[in-house]
PDB file of N, CA and C in Angstrom:
ATOM      1  N   UNK A   1     -38.725  18.383  32.747  1.00  0.00           N
ATOM      2  CA  UNK A   1     -38.247  17.051  33.008  1.00  0.00           C
ATOM      3  C   UNK A   1     -36.729  17.036  32.885  1.00  0.00           C
ATOM      4  N   UNK A   2     -36.041  16.364  33.804  1.00  0.00           N
ATOM      5  CA  UNK A   2     -34.582  16.317  33.822  1.00  0.00           C
ATOM      6  C   UNK A   2     -34.067  15.420  32.699  1.00  0.00           C
ATOM      7  N   UNK A   3     -32.929  15.811  32.166  1.00  0.00           N
ATOM      8  CA  UNK A   3     -32.295  15.035  31.102  1.00  0.00           C
ATOM      9  C   UNK A   3     -31.640  13.789  31.709  1.00  0.00           C
ATOM     10  N   UNK A   4     -31.846  12.632  31.108  1.00  0.00           N
ATOM     11  CA  UNK A   4     -31.264  11.403  31.643  1.00  0.00           C
ATOM     12  C   UNK A   4     -29.815  11.267  31.187  1.00  0.00           C
ATOM     13  N   UNK A   5     -29.086  10.371  31.856  1.00  0.00           N
ATOM     14  CA  UNK A   5     -27.690  10.145  31.474  1.00  0.00           C
ATOM     15  C   UNK A   5     -27.596   9.552  30.070  1.00  0.00           C
ATOM     16  N   UNK A   6     -28.595   8.780  29.670  1.00  0.00           N
ATOM     17  CA  UNK A   6     -28.600   8.214  28.314  1.00  0.00           C
ATOM     18  C   UNK A   6     -28.744   9.336  27.296  1.00  0.00           C
ATOM     19  N   UNK A   7     -29.629  10.306  27.589  1.00  0.00           N
ATOM     20  CA  UNK A   7     -29.797  11.439  26.673  1.00  0.00           C
ATOM     21  C   UNK A   7     -28.492  12.218  26.556  1.00  0.00           C
ATOM     22  N   UNK A   8     -27.794  12.413  27.675  1.00  0.00           N
ATOM     23  CA  UNK A   8     -26.525  13.157  27.642  1.00  0.00           C
ATOM     24  C   UNK A   8     -25.475  12.407  26.837  1.00  0.00           C
ATOM     25  N   UNK A   9     -25.411  11.069  26.999  1.00  0.00           N
ATOM     26  CA  UNK A   9     -24.430  10.279  26.247  1.00  0.00           C
ATOM     27  C   UNK A   9     -24.742  10.305  24.759  1.00  0.00           C
ATOM     28  N   UNK A  10     -26.005  10.197  24.413  1.00  0.00           N
ATOM     29  CA  UNK A  10     -26.401  10.236  23.006  1.00  0.00           C
ATOM     30  C   UNK A  10     -26.056  11.579  22.406  1.00  0.00           C
ATOM     31  N   UNK A  11     -26.344  12.646  23.140  1.00  0.00           N
ATOM     32  CA  UNK A  11     -26.022  13.984  22.666  1.00  0.00           C
ATOM     33  C   UNK A  11     -24.516  14.136  22.479  1.00  0.00           C
ATOM     34  N   UNK A  12     -23.733  13.625  23.435  1.00  0.00           N
ATOM     35  CA  UNK A  12     -22.273  13.707  23.340  1.00  0.00           C
ATOM     36  C   UNK A  12     -21.780  12.925  22.125  1.00  0.00           C
ATOM     37  N   UNK A  13     -22.316  11.727  21.894  1.00  0.00           N
ATOM     38  CA  UNK A  13     -21.915  10.914  20.747  1.00  0.00           C
ATOM     39  C   UNK A  13     -22.258  11.624  19.437  1.00  0.00           C
ATOM     40  N   UNK A  14     -23.428  12.247  19.379  1.00  0.00           N
ATOM     41  CA  UNK A  14     -23.816  12.985  18.172  1.00  0.00           C
ATOM     42  C   UNK A  14     -22.870  14.154  17.922  1.00  0.00           C
ATOM     43  N   UNK A  15     -22.534  14.876  18.980  1.00  0.00           N
ATOM     44  CA  UNK A  15     -21.616  16.010  18.825  1.00  0.00           C
ATOM     45  C   UNK A  15     -20.225  15.535  18.410  1.00  0.00           C
ATOM     46  N   UNK A  16     -19.788  14.389  18.934  1.00  0.00           N
ATOM     47  CA  UNK A  16     -18.475  13.851  18.580  1.00  0.00           C
ATOM     48  C   UNK A  16     -18.444  13.456  17.106  1.00  0.00           C
ATOM     49  N   UNK A  17     -19.487  12.771  16.640  1.00  0.00           N
ATOM     50  CA  UNK A  17     -19.543  12.392  15.220  1.00  0.00           C
ATOM     51  C   UNK A  17     -19.547  13.635  14.332  1.00  0.00           C
ATOM     52  N   UNK A  18     -20.279  14.652  14.719  1.00  0.00           N
ATOM     53  CA  UNK A  18     -20.325  15.886  13.931  1.00  0.00           C
ATOM     54  C   UNK A  18     -18.949  16.539  13.882  1.00  0.00           C
ATOM     55  N   UNK A  19     -18.230  16.520  14.996  1.00  0.00           N
ATOM     56  CA  UNK A  19     -16.886  17.109  15.030  1.00  0.00           C
ATOM     57  C   UNK A  19     -15.953  16.340  14.102  1.00  0.00           C
ATOM     58  N   UNK A  20     -16.029  15.004  14.125  1.00  0.00           N
ATOM     59  CA  UNK A  20     -15.197  14.213  13.233  1.00  0.00           C
ATOM     60  C   UNK A  20     -15.497  14.527  11.777  1.00  0.00           C
ATOM     61  N   UNK A  21     -16.771  14.676  11.457  1.00  0.00           N
ATOM     62  CA  UNK A  21     -17.131  14.973  10.069  1.00  0.00           C
ATOM     63  C   UNK A  21     -16.585  16.330   9.642  1.00  0.00           C
ATOM     64  N   UNK A  22     -16.518  17.277  10.569  1.00  0.00           N
ATOM     65  CA  UNK A  22     -16.005  18.603  10.222  1.00  0.00           C
ATOM     66  C   UNK A  22     -14.491  18.620  10.065  1.00  0.00           C
ATOM     67  N   UNK A  23     -13.751  17.854  10.882  1.00  0.00           N
ATOM     68  CA  UNK A  23     -12.307  18.023  10.949  1.00  0.00           C
ATOM     69  C   UNK A  23     -11.479  16.905  10.324  1.00  0.00           C
ATOM     70  N   UNK A  24     -12.052  15.760  10.052  1.00  0.00           N
ATOM     71  CA  UNK A  24     -11.283  14.675   9.458  1.00  0.00           C
ATOM     72  C   UNK A  24     -11.638  14.584   7.982  1.00  0.00           C
ATOM     73  N   UNK A  25     -10.621  14.726   7.132  1.00  0.00           N
ATOM     74  CA  UNK A  25     -10.901  14.669   5.698  1.00  0.00           C
ATOM     75  C   UNK A  25     -11.444  13.303   5.290  1.00  0.00           C
ATOM     76  N   UNK A  26     -12.369  13.258   4.338  1.00  0.00           N
ATOM     77  CA  UNK A  26     -12.957  11.990   3.900  1.00  0.00           C
ATOM     78  C   UNK A  26     -11.913  10.982   3.425  1.00  0.00           C
ATOM     79  N   UNK A  27     -10.813  11.446   2.825  1.00  0.00           N
ATOM     80  CA  UNK A  27      -9.774  10.518   2.352  1.00  0.00           C
ATOM     81  C   UNK A  27      -9.171   9.750   3.516  1.00  0.00           C
ATOM     82  N   UNK A  28      -9.021  10.399   4.660  1.00  0.00           N
ATOM     83  CA  UNK A  28      -8.473   9.723   5.842  1.00  0.00           C
ATOM     84  C   UNK A  28      -9.425   8.646   6.314  1.00  0.00           C
ATOM     85  N   UNK A  29     -10.693   8.942   6.342  1.00  0.00           N
ATOM     86  CA  UNK A  29     -11.695   7.964   6.769  1.00  0.00           C
ATOM     87  C   UNK A  29     -11.679   6.769   5.826  1.00  0.00           C
ATOM     88  N   UNK A  30     -11.586   7.008   4.533  1.00  0.00           N
ATOM     89  CA  UNK A  30     -11.565   5.922   3.555  1.00  0.00           C
ATOM     90  C   UNK A  30     -10.326   5.058   3.747  1.00  0.00           C
ATOM     91  N   UNK A  31      -9.173   5.688   4.011  1.00  0.00           N
ATOM     92  CA  UNK A  31      -7.928   4.940   4.196  1.00  0.00           C
ATOM     93  C   UNK A  31      -8.020   4.044   5.430  1.00  0.00           C
ATOM     94  N   UNK A  32      -8.542   4.549   6.516  1.00  0.00           N
ATOM     95  CA  UNK A  32      -8.686   3.755   7.735  1.00  0.00           C
ATOM     96  C   UNK A  32      -9.652   2.603   7.504  1.00  0.00           C
ATOM     97  N   UNK A  33     -10.726   2.840   6.778  1.00  0.00           N
ATOM     98  CA  UNK A  33     -11.701   1.799   6.490  1.00  0.00           C
ATOM     99  C   UNK A  33     -11.068   0.685   5.662  1.00  0.00           C
ATOM    100  N   UNK A  34     -10.238   1.039   4.692  1.00  0.00           N
ATOM    101  CA  UNK A  34      -9.601   0.035   3.839  1.00  0.00           C
ATOM    102  C   UNK A  34      -8.608  -0.823   4.609  1.00  0.00           C
ATOM    103  N   UNK A  35      -8.030  -0.333   5.685  1.00  0.00           N
ATOM    104  CA  UNK A  35      -7.052  -1.101   6.448  1.00  0.00           C
ATOM    105  C   UNK A  35      -7.667  -2.364   7.042  1.00  0.00           C
ATOM    106  N   UNK A  36      -8.956  -2.393   7.235  1.00  0.00           N
ATOM    107  CA  UNK A  36      -9.601  -3.529   7.861  1.00  0.00           C
ATOM    108  C   UNK A  36     -10.105  -4.562   6.857  1.00  0.00           C
ATOM    109  N   UNK A  37      -9.786  -4.378   5.597  1.00  0.00           N
ATOM    110  CA  UNK A  37     -10.202  -5.349   4.606  1.00  0.00           C
ATOM    111  C   UNK A  37      -9.333  -6.601   4.717  1.00  0.00           C
ATOM    112  N   UNK A  38      -9.838  -7.707   4.257  1.00  0.00           N
ATOM    113  CA  UNK A  38      -9.113  -8.974   4.303  1.00  0.00           C
ATOM    114  C   UNK A  38      -7.991  -8.939   3.278  1.00  0.00           C
ATOM    115  N   UNK A  39      -6.803  -9.347   3.717  1.00  0.00           N
ATOM    116  CA  UNK A  39      -5.635  -9.410   2.843  1.00  0.00           C
ATOM    117  C   UNK A  39      -5.267 -10.876   2.685  1.00  0.00           C
ATOM    118  N   UNK A  40      -5.462 -11.409   1.478  1.00  0.00           N
ATOM    119  CA  UNK A  40      -5.221 -12.832   1.239  1.00  0.00           C
ATOM    120  C   UNK A  40      -3.748 -13.207   1.291  1.00  0.00           C
ATOM    121  N   UNK A  41      -2.850 -12.231   1.226  1.00  0.00           N
ATOM    122  CA  UNK A  41      -1.423 -12.546   1.261  1.00  0.00           C
ATOM    123  C   UNK A  41      -0.934 -12.820   2.689  1.00  0.00           C
ATOM    124  N   UNK A  42      -1.754 -12.524   3.689  1.00  0.00           N
ATOM    125  CA  UNK A  42      -1.370 -12.749   5.084  1.00  0.00           C
ATOM    126  C   UNK A  42      -1.795 -14.140   5.549  1.00  0.00           C
ATOM    127  N   UNK A  43      -1.135 -14.674   6.586  1.00  0.00           N
ATOM    128  CA  UNK A  43      -1.585 -15.944   7.158  1.00  0.00           C
ATOM    129  C   UNK A  43      -3.041 -15.817   7.627  1.00  0.00           C
ATOM    130  N   UNK A  44      -3.750 -16.933   7.725  1.00  0.00           N
ATOM    131  CA  UNK A  44      -5.176 -16.870   8.070  1.00  0.00           C
ATOM    132  C   UNK A  44      -5.424 -16.382   9.498  1.00  0.00           C
ATOM    133  N   UNK A  45      -6.591 -15.815   9.705  1.00  0.00           N
ATOM    134  CA  UNK A  45      -7.022 -15.431  11.045  1.00  0.00           C
ATOM    135  C   UNK A  45      -7.308 -16.689  11.855  1.00  0.00           C
ATOM    136  N   UNK A  46      -7.244 -16.607  13.180  1.00  0.00           N
ATOM    137  CA  UNK A  46      -7.553 -17.794  13.987  1.00  0.00           C
ATOM    138  C   UNK A  46      -9.032 -18.151  13.866  1.00  0.00           C
ATOM    139  N   UNK A  47      -9.319 -19.434  14.022  1.00  0.00           N
ATOM    140  CA  UNK A  47     -10.712 -19.859  13.957  1.00  0.00           C
ATOM    141  C   UNK A  47     -11.443 -19.395  15.220  1.00  0.00           C
ATOM    142  N   UNK A  48     -12.751 -19.280  15.155  1.00  0.00           N
ATOM    143  CA  UNK A  48     -13.515 -18.831  16.325  1.00  0.00           C
ATOM    144  C   UNK A  48     -13.364 -19.733  17.542  1.00  0.00           C
ATOM    145  N   UNK A  49     -13.098 -21.013  17.322  1.00  0.00           N
ATOM    146  CA  UNK A  49     -12.966 -21.923  18.454  1.00  0.00           C
ATOM    147  C   UNK A  49     -11.505 -22.114  18.904  1.00  0.00           C
ATOM    148  N   UNK A  50     -10.595 -21.287  18.419  1.00  0.00           N
ATOM    149  CA  UNK A  50      -9.182 -21.381  18.796  1.00  0.00           C
ATOM    150  C   UNK A  50      -8.994 -20.991  20.263  1.00  0.00           C
ATOM    151  N   UNK A  51      -8.014 -21.619  20.907  1.00  0.00           N
ATOM    152  CA  UNK A  51      -7.707 -21.246  22.285  1.00  0.00           C
ATOM    153  C   UNK A  51      -6.809 -20.004  22.282  1.00  0.00           C
ATOM    154  N   UNK A  52      -6.497 -19.489  23.458  1.00  0.00           N
ATOM    155  CA  UNK A  52      -5.717 -18.252  23.558  1.00  0.00           C
ATOM    156  C   UNK A  52      -4.354 -18.372  22.883  1.00  0.00           C
ATOM    157  N   UNK A  53      -3.679 -19.502  23.073  1.00  0.00           N
ATOM    158  CA  UNK A  53      -2.353 -19.687  22.487  1.00  0.00           C
ATOM    159  C   UNK A  53      -2.418 -19.694  20.957  1.00  0.00           C
ATOM    160  N   UNK A  54      -3.423 -20.376  20.412  1.00  0.00           N
ATOM    161  CA  UNK A  54      -3.582 -20.425  18.953  1.00  0.00           C
ATOM    162  C   UNK A  54      -3.909 -19.046  18.383  1.00  0.00           C
ATOM    163  N   UNK A  55      -4.764 -18.308  19.091  1.00  0.00           N
ATOM    164  CA  UNK A  55      -5.085 -16.952  18.647  1.00  0.00           C
ATOM    165  C   UNK A  55      -3.839 -16.074  18.659  1.00  0.00           C
ATOM    166  N   UNK A  56      -3.069 -16.185  19.738  1.00  0.00           N
ATOM    167  CA  UNK A  56      -1.847 -15.383  19.842  1.00  0.00           C
ATOM    168  C   UNK A  56      -0.857 -15.696  18.734  1.00  0.00           C
ATOM    169  N   UNK A  57      -0.690 -16.993  18.438  1.00  0.00           N
ATOM    170  CA  UNK A  57       0.231 -17.396  17.373  1.00  0.00           C
ATOM    171  C   UNK A  57      -0.239 -16.898  16.003  1.00  0.00           C
ATOM    172  N   UNK A  58      -1.524 -16.988  15.738  1.00  0.00           N
ATOM    173  CA  UNK A  58      -2.057 -16.539  14.450  1.00  0.00           C
ATOM    174  C   UNK A  58      -1.912 -15.028  14.297  1.00  0.00           C
ATOM    175  N   UNK A  59      -2.199 -14.299  15.355  1.00  0.00           N
ATOM    176  CA  UNK A  59      -2.076 -12.836  15.292  1.00  0.00           C
ATOM    177  C   UNK A  59      -0.622 -12.437  15.114  1.00  0.00           C
ATOM    178  N   UNK A  60       0.292 -13.094  15.841  1.00  0.00           N
ATOM    179  CA  UNK A  60       1.715 -12.780  15.705  1.00  0.00           C
ATOM    180  C   UNK A  60       2.200 -13.102  14.290  1.00  0.00           C
ATOM    181  N   UNK A  61       1.748 -14.221  13.724  1.00  0.00           N
ATOM    182  CA  UNK A  61       2.145 -14.576  12.354  1.00  0.00           C
ATOM    183  C   UNK A  61       1.692 -13.510  11.362  1.00  0.00           C
ATOM    184  N   UNK A  62       0.489 -12.972  11.557  1.00  0.00           N
ATOM    185  CA  UNK A  62      -0.011 -11.913  10.666  1.00  0.00           C
ATOM    186  C   UNK A  62       0.793 -10.631  10.827  1.00  0.00           C
ATOM    187  N   UNK A  63       1.125 -10.281  12.066  1.00  0.00           N
ATOM    188  CA  UNK A  63       1.933  -9.081  12.295  1.00  0.00           C
ATOM    189  C   UNK A  63       3.316  -9.210  11.668  1.00  0.00           C
ATOM    190  N   UNK A  64       3.931 -10.367  11.846  1.00  0.00           N
ATOM    191  CA  UNK A  64       5.260 -10.590  11.269  1.00  0.00           C
ATOM    192  C   UNK A  64       5.185 -10.541   9.746  1.00  0.00           C
ATOM    193  N   UNK A  65       4.156 -11.127   9.158  1.00  0.00           N
ATOM    194  CA  UNK A  65       4.007 -11.093   7.707  1.00  0.00           C
ATOM    195  C   UNK A  65       3.779  -9.672   7.209  1.00  0.00           C
ATOM    196  N   UNK A  66       3.080  -8.873   7.993  1.00  0.00           N
ATOM    197  CA  UNK A  66       2.756  -7.514   7.572  1.00  0.00           C
ATOM    198  C   UNK A  66       3.915  -6.548   7.777  1.00  0.00           C
ATOM    199  N   UNK A  67       4.542  -6.559   8.951  1.00  0.00           N
ATOM    200  CA  UNK A  67       5.552  -5.532   9.257  1.00  0.00           C
ATOM    201  C   UNK A  67       6.934  -6.091   9.550  1.00  0.00           C
ATOM    202  N   UNK A  68       7.068  -7.409   9.623  1.00  0.00           N
ATOM    203  CA  UNK A  68       8.363  -8.017   9.904  1.00  0.00           C
ATOM    204  C   UNK A  68       8.528  -8.280  11.391  1.00  0.00           C
ATOM    205  N   UNK A  69       9.439  -9.192  11.693  1.00  0.00           N
ATOM    206  CA  UNK A  69       9.695  -9.558  13.088  1.00  0.00           C
ATOM    207  C   UNK A  69      10.667  -8.573  13.722  1.00  0.00           C
ATOM    208  N   UNK A  70      10.579  -8.384  15.032  1.00  0.00           N
ATOM    209  CA  UNK A  70      11.558  -7.534  15.718  1.00  0.00           C
ATOM    210  C   UNK A  70      12.942  -8.182  15.699  1.00  0.00           C
ATOM    211  N   UNK A  71      13.966  -7.372  15.787  1.00  0.00           N
ATOM    212  CA  UNK A  71      15.329  -7.886  15.842  1.00  0.00           C
ATOM    213  C   UNK A  71      15.689  -8.213  17.288  1.00  0.00           C
ATOM    214  N   UNK A  72      16.816  -8.882  17.474  1.00  0.00           N
ATOM    215  CA  UNK A  72      17.287  -9.137  18.837  1.00  0.00           C
ATOM    216  C   UNK A  72      17.529  -7.834  19.580  1.00  0.00           C
ATOM    217  N   UNK A  73      18.012  -6.821  18.879  1.00  0.00           N
ATOM    218  CA  UNK A  73      18.228  -5.512  19.516  1.00  0.00           C
ATOM    219  C   UNK A  73      16.912  -4.902  19.992  1.00  0.00           C
ATOM    220  N   UNK A  74      15.855  -5.080  19.226  1.00  0.00           N
ATOM    221  CA  UNK A  74      14.537  -4.594  19.652  1.00  0.00           C
ATOM    222  C   UNK A  74      14.120  -5.280  20.954  1.00  0.00           C
ATOM    223  N   UNK A  75      14.312  -6.603  21.010  1.00  0.00           N
ATOM    224  CA  UNK A  75      13.968  -7.340  22.226  1.00  0.00           C
ATOM    225  C   UNK A  75      14.860  -6.908  23.395  1.00  0.00           C
ATOM    226  N   UNK A  76      16.152  -6.670  23.157  1.00  0.00           N
ATOM    227  CA  UNK A  76      17.050  -6.214  24.231  1.00  0.00           C
ATOM    228  C   UNK A  76      16.560  -4.893  24.818  1.00  0.00           C
ATOM    229  N   UNK A  77      16.179  -3.967  23.924  1.00  0.00           N
ATOM    230  CA  UNK A  77      15.670  -2.674  24.402  1.00  0.00           C
ATOM    231  C   UNK A  77      14.392  -2.851  25.214  1.00  0.00           C
ATOM    232  N   UNK A  78      13.508  -3.745  24.764  1.00  0.00           N
ATOM    233  CA  UNK A  78      12.248  -3.976  25.484  1.00  0.00           C
ATOM    234  C   UNK A  78      12.517  -4.572  26.866  1.00  0.00           C
ATOM    235  N   UNK A  79      13.403  -5.561  26.937  1.00  0.00           N
ATOM    236  CA  UNK A  79      13.732  -6.169  28.226  1.00  0.00           C
ATOM    237  C   UNK A  79      14.395  -5.144  29.140  1.00  0.00           C
ATOM    238  N   UNK A  80      15.320  -4.367  28.609  1.00  0.00           N
ATOM    239  CA  UNK A  80      15.999  -3.345  29.424  1.00  0.00           C
ATOM    240  C   UNK A  80      15.007  -2.291  29.894  1.00  0.00           C
ATOM    241  N   UNK A  81      14.090  -1.892  29.033  1.00  0.00           N
ATOM    242  CA  UNK A  81      13.094  -0.894  29.394  1.00  0.00           C
ATOM    243  C   UNK A  81      12.174  -1.355  30.504  1.00  0.00           C
ATOM    244  N   UNK A  82      11.928  -2.658  30.563  1.00  0.00           N
ATOM    245  CA  UNK A  82      11.067  -3.220  31.618  1.00  0.00           C
ATOM    246  C   UNK A  82      11.864  -3.594  32.861  1.00  0.00           C
ATOM    247  N   UNK A  83      13.185  -3.540  32.762  1.00  0.00           N
ATOM    248  CA  UNK A  83      14.012  -3.935  33.893  1.00  0.00           C
ATOM    249  C   UNK A  83      14.099  -5.438  34.067  1.00  0.00           C
ATOM    250  N   UNK A  84      13.727  -6.194  33.026  1.00  0.00           N
ATOM    251  CA  UNK A  84      13.765  -7.657  33.100  1.00  0.00           C
ATOM    252  C   UNK A  84      15.155  -8.154  32.702  1.00  0.00           C
ATOM    253  N   UNK A  85      15.618  -9.234  33.326  1.00  0.00           N
ATOM    254  CA  UNK A  85      16.926  -9.770  32.941  1.00  0.00           C
ATOM    255  C   UNK A  85      16.880 -10.362  31.530  1.00  0.00           C
ATOM    256  N   UNK A  86      17.975 -10.222  30.806  1.00  0.00           N
ATOM    257  CA  UNK A  86      18.063 -10.752  29.453  1.00  0.00           C
ATOM    258  C   UNK A  86      18.258 -12.265  29.526  1.00  0.00           C
ATOM    259  N   UNK A  87      17.343 -13.065  28.924  1.00  0.00           N
ATOM    260  CA  UNK A  87      17.448 -14.520  29.029  1.00  0.00           C
ATOM    261  C   UNK A  87      18.453 -15.146  28.060  1.00  0.00           C
ATOM    262  N   UNK A  88      18.951 -14.375  27.149  1.00  0.00           N
ATOM    263  CA  UNK A  88      19.903 -14.888  26.158  1.00  0.00           C
ATOM    264  C   UNK A  88      19.280 -14.946  24.773  1.00  0.00           C
ATOM    265  N   UNK A  89      20.139 -14.838  23.769  1.00  0.00           N
ATOM    266  CA  UNK A  89      19.669 -14.803  22.385  1.00  0.00           C
ATOM    267  C   UNK A  89      18.908 -16.073  22.001  1.00  0.00           C
ATOM    268  N   UNK A  90      19.440 -17.239  22.396  1.00  0.00           N
ATOM    269  CA  UNK A  90      18.787 -18.500  22.021  1.00  0.00           C
ATOM    270  C   UNK A  90      17.395 -18.619  22.631  1.00  0.00           C
ATOM    271  N   UNK A  91      17.255 -18.193  23.868  1.00  0.00           N
ATOM    272  CA  UNK A  91      15.943 -18.262  24.534  1.00  0.00           C
ATOM    273  C   UNK A  91      14.948 -17.316  23.870  1.00  0.00           C
ATOM    274  N   UNK A  92      15.405 -16.139  23.484  1.00  0.00           N
ATOM    275  CA  UNK A  92      14.525 -15.185  22.787  1.00  0.00           C
ATOM    276  C   UNK A  92      14.080 -15.778  21.459  1.00  0.00           C
ATOM    277  N   UNK A  93      15.007 -16.383  20.732  1.00  0.00           N
ATOM    278  CA  UNK A  93      14.642 -17.016  19.452  1.00  0.00           C
ATOM    279  C   UNK A  93      13.652 -18.161  19.653  1.00  0.00           C
ATOM    280  N   UNK A  94      13.757 -18.874  20.775  1.00  0.00           N
ATOM    281  CA  UNK A  94      12.831 -19.968  21.057  1.00  0.00           C
ATOM    282  C   UNK A  94      11.434 -19.439  21.384  1.00  0.00           C
ATOM    283  N   UNK A  95      11.381 -18.321  22.126  1.00  0.00           N
ATOM    284  CA  UNK A  95      10.092 -17.777  22.593  1.00  0.00           C
ATOM    285  C   UNK A  95       9.372 -16.913  21.567  1.00  0.00           C
ATOM    286  N   UNK A  96      10.134 -16.166  20.773  1.00  0.00           N
ATOM    287  CA  UNK A  96       9.550 -15.106  19.941  1.00  0.00           C
ATOM    288  C   UNK A  96      10.040 -15.191  18.492  1.00  0.00           C
ATOM    289  N   UNK A  97       9.273 -14.626  17.556  1.00  0.00           N
ATOM    290  CA  UNK A  97       9.791 -14.504  16.199  1.00  0.00           C
ATOM    291  C   UNK A  97      10.880 -13.435  16.187  1.00  0.00           C
ATOM    292  N   UNK A  98      11.985 -13.723  15.516  1.00  0.00           N
ATOM    293  CA  UNK A  98      13.116 -12.795  15.466  1.00  0.00           C
ATOM    294  C   UNK A  98      13.522 -12.608  14.005  1.00  0.00           C
ATOM    295  N   UNK A  99      13.776 -11.357  13.633  1.00  0.00           N
ATOM    296  CA  UNK A  99      14.222 -11.062  12.273  1.00  0.00           C
ATOM    297  C   UNK A  99      15.617 -11.633  12.076  1.00  0.00           C
ATOM    298  N   UNK A 100      15.922 -11.993  10.833  1.00  0.00           N
ATOM    299  CA  UNK A 100      17.253 -12.485  10.503  1.00  0.00           C
ATOM    300  C   UNK A 100      18.273 -11.392  10.765  1.00  0.00           C
ATOM    301  N   UNK A 101      19.417 -11.802  11.288  1.00  0.00           N
ATOM    302  CA  UNK A 101      20.500 -10.843  11.577  1.00  0.00           C
ATOM    303  C   UNK A 101      21.121 -10.387  10.270  1.00  0.00           C
ATOM    304  N   UNK A 102      21.089  -9.078   9.960  1.00  0.00           N
ATOM    305  CA  UNK A 102      21.619  -8.605   8.681  1.00  0.00           C
ATOM    306  C   UNK A 102      23.134  -8.802   8.583  1.00  0.00           C
ATOM    307  N   UNK A 103      23.846  -8.909   9.708  1.00  0.00           N
ATOM    308  CA  UNK A 103      25.293  -9.077   9.692  1.00  0.00           C
ATOM    309  C   UNK A 103      25.681 -10.523   9.411  1.00  0.00           C
ATOM    310  N   UNK A 104      24.746 -11.456   9.580  1.00  0.00           N
ATOM    311  CA  UNK A 104      25.076 -12.887   9.410  1.00  0.00           C
ATOM    312  C   UNK A 104      25.069 -13.304   7.970  1.00  0.00           C
TER     313      UNK A 104
END
């Protein structure tokens, strides 16, 4: 009897899990697992009935709280890398979270 595509996928998934168990140290797996725990010091997650804009704002607030906001220079590099015209510092501050200028 021919092997089905489901059997091949299951076999591939089993082999992949076995490879991970052989080559990834358990401490790494534990560290990655802990990253997904709830952190009460961060702003709340969006509610399930939130619209796209609310979800985006909540996720951005959590990222900024966790790693900090990008600087204006970071935004300049991103705009230049995309070939987009620079809208100006004030417009960037209006649209996006921006880190405080250390020189100010």
